[in-house]
């Protein structure tokens, strides 16, 4: 008789636990990046009244099953369901929505925490932080805009109005096509911009003339030195080296390169240097010679001085800065952590998780390296299914009521048994 009472009590406790989890899910139906929980039950150890017996063929007797009485139920697990929530557009370019098996990394008090809440922003010092001011972890790019995601992660800091120093041009790179049907002597009027050591921009006309069936020559408009007269002084340009540009019969680059030499003076007598002399290599390896129009153009690796105007974030978490000089440069990349068992993480509150003994160690990489996707200007909605939670609430309520009846009826039976003594 007492067994049924204990079974009823265990059922009440377990259904109360389930109701607590359902209530927490519904409470967080609109919490950014929230992952719903579920409760599973299992039966407890049964009391065995008699064990099973084998069949006795000699006496023509069959086997018997064990006689066991269950002693109630127990909470088997409380699981966190790491299914994706739907992205919700916010229009805020620093918000991030993460899809797939991964979490953002933040650091507080020297300890890494993990979150799916991508409501990030830049603080007054340019630190990239979450809504509680905890720094978001990732990798900072070097001055050339290169990222090393194999290095240790650290805080991301991109101050507003960040300056970009002037960089003198060291190389022109030609791309696209030269028309293979052009007649011998036909020329193409291309131009390239060179930046000097002070960030000044100078436009240089470079002529590419067809010399034979698969050979072109590079030249300047006049005999060297070619002089550009500017208000600040003269720019003197000469070919330091000149090699014919040759193509294969299939129209692919075969050989050829060139180098230009620049000197700068103020135009006075005697001339005074206004910027450092520089040599600029001309890379022609990506040019082709196919039938069609000539579309060759040159880009350069230099730039004028500028300041950071805005930032944007792509699907791999790379933060790109746009500067007033027209240069776009990678500034940083947001780190993503992946766990073998994300459901084993420990909830720390404020939408944060920490690793546990059963979560495994974090594998921290870029988003695309882990097969995850970042949606910028969006946040991940809670993955709580409200219809399912309301249904579970009803089922849990009925389970709780049924277990309470076990206690009520068992008490009435005990009362009857005690009344027999009277």
Protein backbone atom coordinates (compact mmCIF):
# COMPACT_ATOMS: atom_id res chain seq x y z
CA UNK A 1 0.00 0.00 0.00
CA UNK A 2 2.79 2.40 0.88
CA UNK A 3 4.42 1.73 -2.49
CA UNK A 4 1.57 3.39 -4.36
CA UNK A 5 1.88 6.47 -2.14
CA UNK A 6 5.57 6.79 -2.93
CA UNK A 7 4.86 6.23 -6.63
CA UNK A 8 2.29 9.00 -6.55
CA UNK A 9 4.66 11.36 -4.75
CA UNK A 10 7.46 10.69 -7.29
CA UNK A 11 4.99 11.33 -10.10
CA UNK A 12 3.96 14.66 -8.56
CA UNK A 13 7.57 15.78 -8.16
CA UNK A 14 8.55 14.77 -11.67
CA UNK A 15 5.56 16.43 -13.30
CA UNK A 16 6.27 19.55 -11.28
CA UNK A 17 9.80 19.52 -12.71
CA UNK A 18 8.38 19.12 -16.20
CA UNK A 19 5.97 22.00 -15.57
CA UNK A 20 8.91 24.16 -14.43
CA UNK A 21 10.74 23.47 -17.70
CA UNK A 22 7.62 24.13 -19.80
CA UNK A 23 7.06 27.38 -17.90
CA UNK A 24 10.65 28.44 -18.50
CA UNK A 25 10.30 27.70 -22.21
CA UNK A 26 7.15 29.78 -22.53
CA UNK A 27 8.70 32.57 -20.47
CA UNK A 28 11.57 32.73 -23.00
CA UNK A 29 9.47 32.47 -26.15
CA UNK A 30 10.80 35.88 -27.25
CA UNK A 31 14.33 35.64 -25.79
CA UNK A 32 17.01 36.13 -28.45
CA UNK A 33 18.92 32.92 -29.18
CA UNK A 34 17.11 30.94 -26.44
CA UNK A 35 17.25 27.15 -26.71
CA UNK A 36 14.24 25.29 -25.34
CA UNK A 37 14.46 22.45 -22.84
CA UNK A 38 12.61 19.18 -22.47
CA UNK A 39 12.16 16.64 -19.67
CA UNK A 40 12.20 12.86 -20.11
CA UNK A 41 11.06 10.39 -17.47
CA UNK A 42 12.15 6.82 -16.70
CA UNK A 43 10.81 4.19 -14.34
CA UNK A 44 12.72 3.53 -11.13
CA UNK A 45 14.00 0.21 -9.77
CA UNK A 46 11.18 -2.32 -9.43
CA UNK A 47 10.64 -4.57 -6.40
CA UNK A 48 10.87 -8.20 -7.48
CA UNK A 49 8.37 -10.53 -5.82
CA UNK A 50 9.57 -13.57 -7.75
CA UNK A 51 12.07 -14.05 -10.52
CA UNK A 52 11.56 -15.56 -13.93
CA UNK A 53 11.81 -19.32 -14.37
CA UNK A 54 12.87 -21.46 -17.34
CA UNK A 55 10.57 -23.90 -19.11
CA UNK A 56 10.71 -27.50 -17.83
CA UNK A 57 10.37 -29.71 -20.92
CA UNK A 58 10.69 -32.94 -18.93
CA UNK A 59 7.62 -32.11 -16.83
CA UNK A 60 5.89 -30.28 -19.69
CA UNK A 61 5.93 -26.97 -17.81
CA UNK A 62 6.36 -23.58 -19.45
CA UNK A 63 8.49 -20.74 -18.14
CA UNK A 64 7.14 -17.96 -15.94
CA UNK A 65 7.75 -14.24 -16.08
CA UNK A 66 9.12 -12.27 -13.16
CA UNK A 67 6.68 -10.64 -10.78
CA UNK A 68 7.76 -7.05 -10.19
CA UNK A 69 6.14 -3.94 -8.78
CA UNK A 70 7.38 -0.58 -10.00
CA UNK A 71 8.34 2.02 -7.43
CA UNK A 72 7.43 5.13 -9.39
CA UNK A 73 9.18 7.37 -11.91
CA UNK A 74 12.28 9.55 -12.01
CA UNK A 75 13.54 12.43 -14.13
CA UNK A 76 15.81 10.77 -16.68
CA UNK A 77 17.13 13.96 -18.33
CA UNK A 78 16.55 17.66 -18.85
CA UNK A 79 17.84 18.30 -22.37
CA UNK A 80 18.67 21.54 -24.12
CA UNK A 81 17.50 21.46 -27.75
CA UNK A 82 20.06 23.23 -29.94
CA UNK A 83 17.93 23.44 -33.08
CA UNK A 84 18.16 26.71 -35.04
CA UNK A 85 15.76 29.56 -34.41
CA UNK A 86 14.52 31.71 -37.28
CA UNK A 87 16.53 34.82 -38.26
CA UNK A 88 14.76 38.10 -37.53
CA UNK A 89 15.96 41.16 -39.44
CA UNK A 90 16.83 44.13 -37.23
CA UNK A 91 18.47 46.60 -39.62
CA UNK A 92 21.33 47.03 -37.12
CA UNK A 93 24.56 46.19 -38.96
CA UNK A 94 26.34 44.98 -35.81
CA UNK A 95 23.70 42.34 -34.95
CA UNK A 96 24.55 38.76 -35.93
CA UNK A 97 22.40 35.65 -36.30
CA UNK A 98 24.27 32.33 -36.17
CA UNK A 99 22.87 29.21 -37.86
CA UNK A 100 24.27 25.71 -37.46
CA UNK A 101 26.26 23.94 -34.77
CA UNK A 102 28.20 26.80 -33.21
CA UNK A 103 28.18 29.61 -30.65
CA UNK A 104 29.75 33.04 -30.40
CA UNK A 105 32.59 33.44 -27.91
CA UNK A 106 32.68 36.20 -25.28
CA UNK A 107 35.12 36.67 -22.43
CA UNK A 108 34.45 37.92 -18.91
CA UNK A 109 36.83 37.82 -15.96
CA UNK A 110 39.39 35.88 -17.97
CA UNK A 111 36.91 33.06 -18.70
CA UNK A 112 35.40 32.23 -22.10
CA UNK A 113 31.64 31.96 -22.30
CA UNK A 114 29.48 31.01 -25.26
CA UNK A 115 26.22 32.44 -26.56
CA UNK A 116 23.74 32.38 -29.42
CA UNK A 117 22.56 35.90 -28.64
CA UNK A 118 24.24 38.02 -31.32
CA UNK A 119 22.93 41.42 -30.15
CA UNK A 120 26.38 43.03 -30.36
CA UNK A 121 27.49 46.65 -30.61
CA UNK A 122 30.55 48.89 -30.41
CA UNK A 123 31.08 50.73 -27.13
CA UNK A 124 32.51 54.23 -26.65
CA UNK A 125 36.07 52.94 -27.06
CA UNK A 126 35.34 50.89 -30.16
CA UNK A 127 35.22 47.51 -28.38
CA UNK A 128 32.81 45.00 -29.93
CA UNK A 129 30.65 43.84 -27.00
CA UNK A 130 27.34 42.16 -26.18
CA UNK A 131 24.41 43.92 -24.52
CA UNK A 132 26.04 43.46 -21.09
CA UNK A 133 29.32 45.01 -22.20
CA UNK A 134 31.18 41.67 -22.37
CA UNK A 135 33.80 41.67 -25.17
CA UNK A 136 33.17 39.51 -28.23
CA UNK A 137 36.16 37.35 -29.18
CA UNK A 138 37.75 36.99 -32.60
CA UNK A 139 40.86 37.88 -34.59
CA UNK A 140 42.15 41.32 -35.52
CA UNK A 141 43.55 41.83 -39.04
CA UNK A 142 47.05 43.20 -39.57
CA UNK A 143 47.73 46.55 -41.26
CA UNK A 144 47.46 44.89 -44.68
CA UNK A 145 44.01 43.49 -43.85
CA UNK A 146 45.16 39.86 -43.50
CA UNK A 147 43.53 37.57 -40.94
CA UNK A 148 45.13 34.63 -39.15
CA UNK A 149 42.38 32.44 -37.69
CA UNK A 150 44.99 29.97 -36.45
CA UNK A 151 46.18 32.49 -33.86
CA UNK A 152 44.73 32.86 -30.36
CA UNK A 153 41.45 34.74 -30.14
CA UNK A 154 41.21 38.12 -28.48
CA UNK A 155 38.93 41.11 -28.15
CA UNK A 156 37.78 43.01 -31.24
CA UNK A 157 38.38 46.76 -31.19
CA UNK A 158 37.64 49.08 -34.12
CA UNK A 159 37.54 52.74 -33.00
CA UNK A 160 35.31 55.16 -34.90
CA UNK A 161 37.32 57.41 -37.20
CA UNK A 162 40.24 55.00 -37.23
CA UNK A 163 42.97 56.48 -39.47
CA UNK A 164 44.56 54.76 -42.44
CA UNK A 165 48.04 55.92 -43.31
CA UNK A 166 49.03 56.73 -46.87
CA UNK A 167 50.77 53.90 -48.69
CA UNK A 168 52.97 54.39 -51.74
CA UNK A 169 52.29 52.21 -54.76
CA UNK A 170 54.71 49.34 -55.34
CA UNK A 171 52.83 47.41 -58.05
CA UNK A 172 50.34 47.83 -60.87
CA UNK A 173 48.34 44.70 -61.69
CA UNK A 174 46.76 44.43 -65.14
CA UNK A 175 43.65 42.30 -65.68
CA UNK A 176 41.16 41.35 -68.42
CA UNK A 177 41.80 41.01 -72.16
CA UNK A 178 43.72 42.36 -75.18
CA UNK A 179 41.99 41.86 -78.55
CA UNK A 180 43.78 39.14 -80.54
CA UNK A 181 42.22 40.44 -83.79
CA UNK A 182 43.83 43.88 -83.44
CA UNK A 183 46.10 44.88 -86.34
CA UNK A 184 49.85 45.26 -85.94
CA UNK A 185 50.48 48.75 -84.61
CA UNK A 186 47.07 49.10 -82.95
CA UNK A 187 47.35 50.50 -79.44
CA UNK A 188 45.19 50.42 -76.28
CA UNK A 189 44.94 54.31 -74.09
CA UNK A 190 45.06 52.61 -70.49
CA UNK A 191 45.80 54.62 -67.32
CA UNK A 192 47.05 53.77 -63.88
CA UNK A 193 47.06 55.75 -60.64
CA UNK A 194 50.21 55.82 -58.55
CA UNK A 195 50.31 57.03 -54.94
CA UNK A 196 53.53 58.63 -53.74
CA UNK A 197 55.09 58.39 -50.27
CA UNK A 198 52.90 61.26 -49.06
CA UNK A 199 49.67 59.77 -50.39
CA UNK A 200 49.44 62.03 -53.43
CA UNK A 201 47.69 60.48 -56.44
CA UNK A 202 49.13 60.76 -59.96
CA UNK A 203 47.55 59.34 -63.11
CA UNK A 204 49.96 57.76 -65.60
CA UNK A 205 48.96 56.90 -69.20
CA UNK A 206 50.43 53.56 -70.30
CA UNK A 207 50.13 52.52 -73.95
CA UNK A 208 50.02 48.85 -74.94
CA UNK A 209 50.79 48.43 -78.66
CA UNK A 210 50.49 45.24 -80.71
CA UNK A 211 53.95 44.46 -82.11
CA UNK A 212 53.39 41.05 -83.75
CA UNK A 213 50.88 38.19 -83.77
CA UNK A 214 51.25 37.35 -80.07
CA UNK A 215 53.46 40.16 -78.80
CA UNK A 216 52.62 43.58 -77.34
CA UNK A 217 54.87 46.39 -76.10
CA UNK A 218 54.37 48.83 -73.22
CA UNK A 219 55.32 52.50 -73.62
CA UNK A 220 54.64 56.04 -72.39
CA UNK A 221 53.04 58.77 -74.57
CA UNK A 222 56.35 60.59 -75.09
CA UNK A 223 60.02 59.84 -75.02
CA UNK A 224 61.23 59.28 -71.52
CA UNK A 225 61.15 60.88 -69.11
CA UNK A 226 57.44 61.46 -69.38
CA UNK A 227 56.70 64.57 -67.31
CA UNK A 228 53.41 65.23 -65.53
CA UNK A 229 53.07 68.89 -64.65
CA UNK A 230 51.12 69.41 -61.44
CA UNK A 231 50.51 72.38 -59.18
CA UNK A 232 52.75 70.89 -56.51
CA UNK A 233 55.57 70.12 -58.95
CA UNK A 234 56.64 67.71 -61.66
CA UNK A 235 56.38 63.95 -61.79
CA UNK A 236 59.05 62.35 -63.98
CA UNK A 237 58.29 58.84 -65.23
CA UNK A 238 60.65 56.43 -67.00
CA UNK A 239 60.63 52.72 -67.77
CA UNK A 240 63.29 51.21 -65.50
CA UNK A 241 62.89 47.95 -67.39
CA UNK A 242 60.84 46.98 -70.38
CA UNK A 243 59.97 43.47 -71.52
CA UNK A 244 57.70 42.55 -74.38
CA UNK A 245 54.37 41.06 -73.35
CA UNK A 246 53.98 37.67 -75.05
CA UNK A 247 51.02 35.31 -75.26
CA UNK A 248 50.75 31.67 -76.26
CA UNK A 249 48.81 30.65 -79.37
CA UNK A 250 45.93 29.71 -77.06
CA UNK A 251 45.72 33.29 -75.79
CA UNK A 252 47.23 32.69 -72.35
CA UNK A 253 49.99 34.79 -70.77
CA UNK A 254 53.47 33.52 -71.68
CA UNK A 255 56.00 36.09 -70.48
CA UNK A 256 56.54 39.78 -69.92
CA UNK A 257 56.79 42.36 -67.14
CA UNK A 258 57.92 45.94 -66.70
CA UNK A 259 58.98 48.45 -64.08
CA UNK A 260 58.40 52.20 -63.89
CA UNK A 261 60.57 54.69 -62.04
CA UNK A 262 59.08 57.88 -60.56
CA UNK A 263 60.86 61.01 -59.33
CA UNK A 264 59.15 64.04 -57.83
CA UNK A 265 60.34 67.68 -57.74
CA UNK A 266 58.78 71.07 -57.06
CA UNK A 267 59.45 72.38 -60.56
CA UNK A 268 61.80 75.12 -59.36
CA UNK A 269 65.43 75.76 -60.20
CA UNK A 270 67.18 73.98 -58.66
CA UNK A 271 64.45 71.35 -58.29
CA UNK A 272 63.66 70.15 -54.79
CA UNK A 273 62.30 66.70 -54.09
CA UNK A 274 58.68 66.69 -52.82
CA UNK A 275 58.26 62.92 -52.40
CA UNK A 276 60.55 59.91 -52.30
CA UNK A 277 61.61 58.26 -55.55
CA UNK A 278 59.79 54.99 -56.16
CA UNK A 279 59.84 51.97 -58.45
CA UNK A 280 56.56 50.38 -59.45
CA UNK A 281 56.43 46.84 -60.85
CA UNK A 282 53.87 46.07 -63.57
CA UNK A 283 52.30 42.61 -63.20
CA UNK A 284 50.85 41.32 -66.49
CA UNK A 285 50.27 37.67 -65.58
CA UNK A 286 46.46 37.83 -65.49
CA UNK A 287 46.07 39.37 -68.95
CA UNK A 288 44.67 37.26 -71.80
CA UNK A 289 44.66 37.63 -75.59
CA UNK A 290 41.33 36.45 -76.98
CA UNK A 291 39.18 37.62 -79.83
CA UNK A 292 36.97 40.50 -78.73
CA UNK A 293 37.31 43.99 -77.37
CA UNK A 294 40.35 45.11 -75.38
CA UNK A 295 39.32 45.60 -71.76
CA UNK A 296 42.69 45.70 -70.00
CA UNK A 297 42.89 47.91 -66.93
CA UNK A 298 45.36 48.41 -64.09
CA UNK A 299 44.81 48.40 -60.33
CA UNK A 300 47.41 49.38 -57.74
CA UNK A 301 48.32 48.49 -54.17
CA UNK A 302 48.74 52.04 -52.85
CA UNK A 303 46.30 54.46 -51.26
CA UNK A 304 45.89 57.97 -49.95
CA UNK A 305 45.39 58.68 -46.26
CA UNK A 306 41.85 58.18 -44.99
CA UNK A 307 39.63 57.60 -41.96
CA UNK A 308 37.16 54.82 -41.17
CA UNK A 309 33.70 55.74 -42.42
CA UNK A 310 31.63 52.60 -41.77
CA UNK A 311 31.84 48.86 -41.12
CA UNK A 312 29.98 45.87 -42.50
CA UNK A 313 29.95 42.17 -41.59
CA UNK A 314 29.65 39.25 -44.03
CA UNK A 315 28.35 35.68 -43.66
CA UNK A 316 31.73 34.41 -42.45
CA UNK A 317 31.91 37.01 -39.67
CA UNK A 318 34.57 39.18 -41.31
CA UNK A 319 34.22 42.84 -40.31
CA UNK A 320 35.21 45.08 -43.23
CA UNK A 321 35.95 48.77 -42.84
CA UNK A 322 35.18 51.33 -45.54
CA UNK A 323 37.49 54.35 -45.49
CA UNK A 324 37.07 57.87 -46.85
CA UNK A 325 39.84 57.21 -49.39
CA UNK A 326 37.69 54.52 -51.03
CA UNK A 327 39.63 51.57 -49.61
CA UNK A 328 37.79 48.58 -48.14
CA UNK A 329 39.91 46.60 -45.68
CA UNK A 330 39.24 43.61 -43.42
CA UNK A 331 39.45 44.76 -39.80
CA UNK A 332 38.58 41.66 -37.79
CA UNK A 333 36.71 38.35 -37.82
CA UNK A 334 34.24 37.06 -35.23
CA UNK A 335 35.16 33.67 -33.73
CA UNK A 336 32.74 30.74 -33.56
CA UNK A 337 33.06 27.79 -31.16
CA UNK A 338 31.79 24.30 -31.89
CA UNK A 339 31.25 21.55 -29.29
CA UNK A 340 30.79 17.81 -29.83
CA UNK A 341 27.88 17.97 -27.37
CA UNK A 342 26.47 21.49 -27.24
CA UNK A 343 23.52 20.17 -25.19
CA UNK A 344 26.03 19.38 -22.43
CA UNK A 345 26.94 23.03 -21.89
CA UNK A 346 26.11 24.62 -18.54
CA UNK A 347 23.68 27.55 -18.59
CA UNK A 348 25.10 30.56 -16.73
CA UNK A 349 22.24 33.04 -17.22
CA UNK A 350 22.18 36.16 -19.41
CA UNK A 351 22.08 33.86 -22.47
CA UNK A 352 25.58 32.57 -21.67
CA UNK A 353 26.90 29.00 -21.54
CA UNK A 354 30.11 27.54 -20.15
CA UNK A 355 31.80 24.26 -20.99
CA UNK A 356 31.13 21.26 -18.78
CA UNK A 357 32.59 17.81 -18.27
CA UNK A 358 30.27 16.42 -20.96
CA UNK A 359 30.28 19.23 -23.52
CA UNK A 360 33.74 18.52 -24.85
CA UNK A 361 36.38 21.13 -25.59
CA UNK A 362 35.53 24.04 -27.93
CA UNK A 363 36.83 23.99 -31.49
CA UNK A 364 37.22 27.70 -32.25
CA UNK A 365 37.42 28.70 -35.93
CA UNK A 366 35.82 31.00 -38.45
CA UNK A 367 32.13 30.45 -39.19
CA UNK A 368 32.62 28.87 -42.63
CA UNK A 369 35.42 26.62 -41.36
CA UNK A 370 32.86 24.97 -39.07
CA UNK A 371 30.02 24.81 -41.59
CA UNK A 372 28.01 27.53 -39.85
CA UNK A 373 26.50 30.67 -41.36
CA UNK A 374 26.24 34.18 -39.99
CA UNK A 375 23.38 36.43 -41.07
CA UNK A 376 24.33 40.07 -40.44
CA UNK A 377 21.77 42.70 -39.39
CA UNK A 378 19.60 39.96 -37.86
CA UNK A 379 19.09 38.11 -34.58
CA UNK A 380 18.18 34.49 -33.92
CA UNK A 381 14.71 34.06 -32.50
CA UNK A 382 13.92 31.60 -29.71
CA UNK A 383 13.40 28.04 -30.94
CA UNK A 384 10.47 27.53 -28.55
CA UNK A 385 7.41 26.09 -30.34
CA UNK A 386 4.59 27.74 -28.44
CA UNK A 387 1.90 25.34 -29.73
CA UNK A 388 3.92 22.33 -28.55
CA UNK A 389 4.62 23.93 -25.17
CA UNK A 390 0.94 24.68 -24.55
CA UNK A 391 0.07 21.09 -25.46
CA UNK A 392 2.81 19.80 -23.12
CA UNK A 393 1.38 22.01 -20.40
CA UNK A 394 -1.99 20.28 -20.69
CA UNK A 395 -0.41 16.80 -20.73
CA UNK A 396 1.73 17.71 -17.72
CA UNK A 397 -1.29 19.06 -15.86
CA UNK A 398 -3.23 15.83 -16.45
CA UNK A 399 -0.26 13.77 -15.34
CA UNK A 400 0.02 15.79 -12.15
CA UNK A 401 -3.71 15.44 -11.44
CA UNK A 402 -3.60 11.67 -12.05
CA UNK A 403 -0.68 11.22 -9.65
CA UNK A 404 -2.51 13.25 -7.01
CA UNK A 405 -5.42 10.79 -7.33
CA UNK A 406 -3.02 7.92 -6.59
CA UNK A 407 -2.19 9.56 -3.27
CA UNK A 408 -5.86 10.31 -2.52
CA UNK A 409 -7.07 6.78 -3.26
CA UNK A 410 -4.12 5.16 -1.44
CA UNK A 411 -4.92 7.32 1.60
CA UNK A 412 -8.56 6.20 1.50
CA UNK A 413 -7.49 2.56 1.35
CA UNK A 414 -5.18 3.06 4.33
CA UNK A 415 -7.99 4.76 6.20
CA UNK A 416 -10.23 1.75 5.54
CA UNK A 417 -7.50 -0.58 6.75
CA UNK A 418 -7.02 1.41 9.95
CA UNK A 419 -10.80 1.50 10.46
CA UNK A 420 -10.87 -2.28 10.59
CA UNK A 421 -9.17 -2.14 14.01
CA UNK A 422 -11.92 0.00 15.41
